[in-house]
């Protein structure tokens, strides 16, 4: 439990930093010269831009904590890769999707929600495949060094 808490605490500033970088990238692509700290619908929902930014920052920190804490699942030697994948996917989705909906990072329609979920699944799959092949290469290197 101590390891989960430590990892989660370390994930807090990482989540906040990633959230900030995303707002900068979105502003560069869609801001037409303005900085878009939050979705306009989220600012309208909250009623105050500064509070909306603070809430979004907190939500990004919570996501960072959850994702970092959940990353320990990948280190469990008791779980199969299928179990690790399912558990992490479930935790990531359970944290990200409600936050994304609340913060208006996705359109509030069936198409908007399904599109966001499709993007999430796509990013998860690409990340998983990349990590899988990176670990395969690393394991081959370790085995080669053991056989010398």
C-alpha atoms as a PDB file:
ATOM      1  CA  UNK A   1       0.000   0.000   0.000  1.00  0.00           C
ATOM      2  CA  UNK A   2       2.896   2.338   0.796  1.00  0.00           C
ATOM      3  CA  UNK A   3       4.223   1.869  -2.738  1.00  0.00           C
ATOM      4  CA  UNK A   4       0.819   2.737  -4.266  1.00  0.00           C
ATOM      5  CA  UNK A   5       0.567   5.920  -2.187  1.00  0.00           C
ATOM      6  CA  UNK A   6       4.118   6.977  -3.065  1.00  0.00           C
ATOM      7  CA  UNK A   7       3.548   6.324  -6.756  1.00  0.00           C
ATOM      8  CA  UNK A   8       0.226   8.200  -6.656  1.00  0.00           C
ATOM      9  CA  UNK A   9       1.803  11.207  -4.907  1.00  0.00           C
ATOM     10  CA  UNK A  10       4.488  11.304  -7.604  1.00  0.00           C
ATOM     11  CA  UNK A  11       1.752  11.096 -10.246  1.00  0.00           C
ATOM     12  CA  UNK A  12       0.011  14.250  -9.006  1.00  0.00           C
ATOM     13  CA  UNK A  13       2.454  16.801 -10.492  1.00  0.00           C
ATOM     14  CA  UNK A  14       2.916  14.653 -13.603  1.00  0.00           C
ATOM     15  CA  UNK A  15      -0.837  14.665 -14.240  1.00  0.00           C
ATOM     16  CA  UNK A  16      -0.982  18.424 -13.741  1.00  0.00           C
ATOM     17  CA  UNK A  17       1.979  18.964 -16.091  1.00  0.00           C
ATOM     18  CA  UNK A  18       0.497  16.737 -18.790  1.00  0.00           C
ATOM     19  CA  UNK A  19      -2.837  18.512 -18.467  1.00  0.00           C
ATOM     20  CA  UNK A  20      -1.120  21.877 -18.887  1.00  0.00           C
ATOM     21  CA  UNK A  21       0.850  20.737 -21.940  1.00  0.00           C
ATOM     22  CA  UNK A  22      -2.380  19.486 -23.510  1.00  0.00           C
ATOM     23  CA  UNK A  23      -4.049  22.887 -23.003  1.00  0.00           C
ATOM     24  CA  UNK A  24      -1.073  24.584 -24.658  1.00  0.00           C
ATOM     25  CA  UNK A  25      -1.225  22.197 -27.636  1.00  0.00           C
ATOM     26  CA  UNK A  26      -4.992  22.642 -27.991  1.00  0.00           C
ATOM     27  CA  UNK A  27      -4.533  26.416 -27.806  1.00  0.00           C
ATOM     28  CA  UNK A  28      -1.887  26.314 -30.540  1.00  0.00           C
ATOM     29  CA  UNK A  29      -4.141  24.218 -32.776  1.00  0.00           C
ATOM     30  CA  UNK A  30      -7.550  25.762 -32.057  1.00  0.00           C
ATOM     31  CA  UNK A  31      -7.041  28.916 -30.003  1.00  0.00           C
ATOM     32  CA  UNK A  32      -6.667  31.360 -32.892  1.00  0.00           C
ATOM     33  CA  UNK A  33      -4.013  33.223 -30.911  1.00  0.00           C
ATOM     34  CA  UNK A  34      -5.701  32.799 -27.516  1.00  0.00           C
ATOM     35  CA  UNK A  35      -4.869  30.458 -24.659  1.00  0.00           C
ATOM     36  CA  UNK A  36      -7.714  28.037 -23.976  1.00  0.00           C
ATOM     37  CA  UNK A  37      -7.189  26.952 -20.386  1.00  0.00           C
ATOM     38  CA  UNK A  38     -10.484  24.996 -20.295  1.00  0.00           C
ATOM     39  CA  UNK A  39     -13.303  24.022 -22.580  1.00  0.00           C
ATOM     40  CA  UNK A  40     -15.645  27.033 -22.813  1.00  0.00           C
ATOM     41  CA  UNK A  41     -18.570  24.782 -21.811  1.00  0.00           C
ATOM     42  CA  UNK A  42     -16.701  23.850 -18.614  1.00  0.00           C
ATOM     43  CA  UNK A  43     -16.087  27.506 -17.746  1.00  0.00           C
ATOM     44  CA  UNK A  44     -19.792  28.146 -18.326  1.00  0.00           C
ATOM     45  CA  UNK A  45     -20.739  25.168 -16.130  1.00  0.00           C
ATOM     46  CA  UNK A  46     -18.487  26.321 -13.277  1.00  0.00           C
ATOM     47  CA  UNK A  47     -19.369  29.983 -13.738  1.00  0.00           C
ATOM     48  CA  UNK A  48     -15.885  31.365 -13.163  1.00  0.00           C
ATOM     49  CA  UNK A  49     -12.856  30.850 -15.401  1.00  0.00           C
ATOM     50  CA  UNK A  50     -10.268  30.868 -12.605  1.00  0.00           C
ATOM     51  CA  UNK A  51     -12.215  28.316 -10.578  1.00  0.00           C
ATOM     52  CA  UNK A  52     -12.753  26.197 -13.694  1.00  0.00           C
ATOM     53  CA  UNK A  53      -8.991  26.178 -14.329  1.00  0.00           C
ATOM     54  CA  UNK A  54      -8.345  25.250 -10.677  1.00  0.00           C
ATOM     55  CA  UNK A  55     -10.899  22.411 -10.832  1.00  0.00           C
ATOM     56  CA  UNK A  56      -9.462  21.149 -14.111  1.00  0.00           C
ATOM     57  CA  UNK A  57      -5.956  21.272 -12.611  1.00  0.00           C
ATOM     58  CA  UNK A  58      -7.169  19.236  -9.637  1.00  0.00           C
ATOM     59  CA  UNK A  59      -8.839  16.733 -11.994  1.00  0.00           C
ATOM     60  CA  UNK A  60      -5.619  16.357 -13.999  1.00  0.00           C
ATOM     61  CA  UNK A  61      -3.736  15.763 -10.754  1.00  0.00           C
ATOM     62  CA  UNK A  62      -6.266  13.109  -9.712  1.00  0.00           C
ATOM     63  CA  UNK A  63      -5.851  11.402 -13.078  1.00  0.00           C
ATOM     64  CA  UNK A  64      -2.077  11.508 -12.697  1.00  0.00           C
ATOM     65  CA  UNK A  65      -2.359   9.956  -9.253  1.00  0.00           C
ATOM     66  CA  UNK A  66      -4.718   7.207 -10.426  1.00  0.00           C
ATOM     67  CA  UNK A  67      -2.703   6.369 -13.526  1.00  0.00           C
ATOM     68  CA  UNK A  68       0.581   6.337 -11.594  1.00  0.00           C
ATOM     69  CA  UNK A  69      -0.856   4.226  -8.793  1.00  0.00           C
ATOM     70  CA  UNK A  70      -2.427   1.817 -11.280  1.00  0.00           C
ATOM     71  CA  UNK A  71       0.894   1.461 -13.083  1.00  0.00           C
ATOM     72  CA  UNK A  72       1.986  -0.829 -10.245  1.00  0.00           C
ATOM     73  CA  UNK A  73      -0.356  -3.452 -11.695  1.00  0.00           C
ATOM     74  CA  UNK A  74       2.127  -3.867 -14.569  1.00  0.00           C
ATOM     75  CA  UNK A  75       4.787  -4.826 -12.029  1.00  0.00           C
ATOM     76  CA  UNK A  76       2.777  -7.676 -10.487  1.00  0.00           C
ATOM     77  CA  UNK A  77       4.331 -11.035 -11.253  1.00  0.00           C
ATOM     78  CA  UNK A  78       1.233 -12.789  -9.869  1.00  0.00           C
ATOM     79  CA  UNK A  79      -0.997 -11.523 -12.688  1.00  0.00           C
ATOM     80  CA  UNK A  80      -0.997 -12.617 -16.305  1.00  0.00           C
ATOM     81  CA  UNK A  81      -0.472  -9.998 -19.003  1.00  0.00           C
ATOM     82  CA  UNK A  82      -4.168 -10.330 -19.875  1.00  0.00           C
ATOM     83  CA  UNK A  83      -5.192  -9.652 -16.260  1.00  0.00           C
ATOM     84  CA  UNK A  84      -2.761  -6.733 -15.995  1.00  0.00           C
ATOM     85  CA  UNK A  85      -4.109  -5.257 -19.217  1.00  0.00           C
ATOM     86  CA  UNK A  86      -7.737  -5.647 -18.174  1.00  0.00           C
ATOM     87  CA  UNK A  87      -7.222  -4.214 -14.704  1.00  0.00           C
ATOM     88  CA  UNK A  88      -5.241  -1.211 -15.946  1.00  0.00           C
ATOM     89  CA  UNK A  89      -7.647  -0.550 -18.789  1.00  0.00           C
ATOM     90  CA  UNK A  90     -10.544  -0.666 -16.339  1.00  0.00           C
ATOM     91  CA  UNK A  91      -8.887   1.678 -13.843  1.00  0.00           C
ATOM     92  CA  UNK A  92      -7.779   4.128 -16.537  1.00  0.00           C
ATOM     93  CA  UNK A  93     -11.239   4.173 -18.136  1.00  0.00           C
ATOM     94  CA  UNK A  94     -13.043   4.478 -14.780  1.00  0.00           C
ATOM     95  CA  UNK A  95     -10.966   7.546 -13.923  1.00  0.00           C
ATOM     96  CA  UNK A  96     -10.516   9.243 -17.301  1.00  0.00           C
ATOM     97  CA  UNK A  97     -13.955   8.947 -18.873  1.00  0.00           C
ATOM     98  CA  UNK A  98     -16.039  10.537 -16.072  1.00  0.00           C
ATOM     99  CA  UNK A  99     -13.488  13.327 -15.660  1.00  0.00           C
ATOM    100  CA  UNK A 100     -13.405  13.940 -19.410  1.00  0.00           C
ATOM    101  CA  UNK A 101     -17.195  14.086 -19.531  1.00  0.00           C
ATOM    102  CA  UNK A 102     -17.455  16.414 -16.521  1.00  0.00           C
ATOM    103  CA  UNK A 103     -14.703  18.743 -17.788  1.00  0.00           C
ATOM    104  CA  UNK A 104     -16.283  18.847 -21.257  1.00  0.00           C
ATOM    105  CA  UNK A 105     -13.239  17.348 -22.947  1.00  0.00           C
ATOM    106  CA  UNK A 106     -15.713  15.384 -25.034  1.00  0.00           C
ATOM    107  CA  UNK A 107     -18.893  16.412 -26.747  1.00  0.00           C
ATOM    108  CA  UNK A 108     -21.951  15.583 -24.639  1.00  0.00           C
ATOM    109  CA  UNK A 109     -23.657  13.396 -27.225  1.00  0.00           C
ATOM    110  CA  UNK A 110     -23.639   9.701 -28.059  1.00  0.00           C
ATOM    111  CA  UNK A 111     -21.286  10.337 -30.977  1.00  0.00           C
ATOM    112  CA  UNK A 112     -19.024  12.542 -28.842  1.00  0.00           C
ATOM    113  CA  UNK A 113     -18.774   9.989 -26.033  1.00  0.00           C
ATOM    114  CA  UNK A 114     -18.230   7.074 -28.419  1.00  0.00           C
ATOM    115  CA  UNK A 115     -15.582   9.051 -30.341  1.00  0.00           C
ATOM    116  CA  UNK A 116     -13.738   9.862 -27.111  1.00  0.00           C
ATOM    117  CA  UNK A 117     -13.899   6.233 -26.008  1.00  0.00           C
ATOM    118  CA  UNK A 118     -12.593   5.129 -29.423  1.00  0.00           C
ATOM    119  CA  UNK A 119      -9.659   7.542 -29.134  1.00  0.00           C
ATOM    120  CA  UNK A 120      -8.961   6.324 -25.588  1.00  0.00           C
ATOM    121  CA  UNK A 121      -9.018   2.679 -26.699  1.00  0.00           C
ATOM    122  CA  UNK A 122      -6.798   3.493 -29.698  1.00  0.00           C
ATOM    123  CA  UNK A 123      -4.210   5.282 -27.561  1.00  0.00           C
ATOM    124  CA  UNK A 124      -4.291   2.453 -25.007  1.00  0.00           C
ATOM    125  CA  UNK A 125      -3.768  -0.206 -27.693  1.00  0.00           C
ATOM    126  CA  UNK A 126      -0.934   1.701 -29.404  1.00  0.00           C
ATOM    127  CA  UNK A 127       0.774   2.289 -26.055  1.00  0.00           C
ATOM    128  CA  UNK A 128       0.329  -1.365 -25.048  1.00  0.00           C
ATOM    129  CA  UNK A 129       1.763  -2.661 -28.343  1.00  0.00           C
ATOM    130  CA  UNK A 130       4.713  -0.263 -28.138  1.00  0.00           C
ATOM    131  CA  UNK A 131       5.489  -1.345 -24.579  1.00  0.00           C
ATOM    132  CA  UNK A 132       5.060  -5.022 -25.458  1.00  0.00           C
ATOM    133  CA  UNK A 133       7.620  -4.863 -28.249  1.00  0.00           C
ATOM    134  CA  UNK A 134      10.008  -2.725 -26.177  1.00  0.00           C
ATOM    135  CA  UNK A 135       9.918  -5.339 -23.405  1.00  0.00           C
ATOM    136  CA  UNK A 136      10.410  -8.157 -25.910  1.00  0.00           C
ATOM    137  CA  UNK A 137      13.607  -6.503 -27.157  1.00  0.00           C
ATOM    138  CA  UNK A 138      14.789  -5.899 -23.596  1.00  0.00           C
ATOM    139  CA  UNK A 139      14.111  -9.530 -22.601  1.00  0.00           C
ATOM    140  CA  UNK A 140      16.057 -10.785 -25.641  1.00  0.00           C
ATOM    141  CA  UNK A 141      18.979  -8.563 -24.620  1.00  0.00           C
ATOM    142  CA  UNK A 142      18.871  -9.859 -21.057  1.00  0.00           C
ATOM    143  CA  UNK A 143      18.698 -13.474 -22.244  1.00  0.00           C
ATOM    144  CA  UNK A 144      21.607 -12.882 -24.629  1.00  0.00           C
ATOM    145  CA  UNK A 145      23.738 -11.444 -21.826  1.00  0.00           C
ATOM    146  CA  UNK A 146      22.865 -14.414 -19.582  1.00  0.00           C
ATOM    147  CA  UNK A 147      23.896 -16.890 -22.279  1.00  0.00           C
ATOM    148  CA  UNK A 148      27.391 -15.427 -22.599  1.00  0.00           C
END
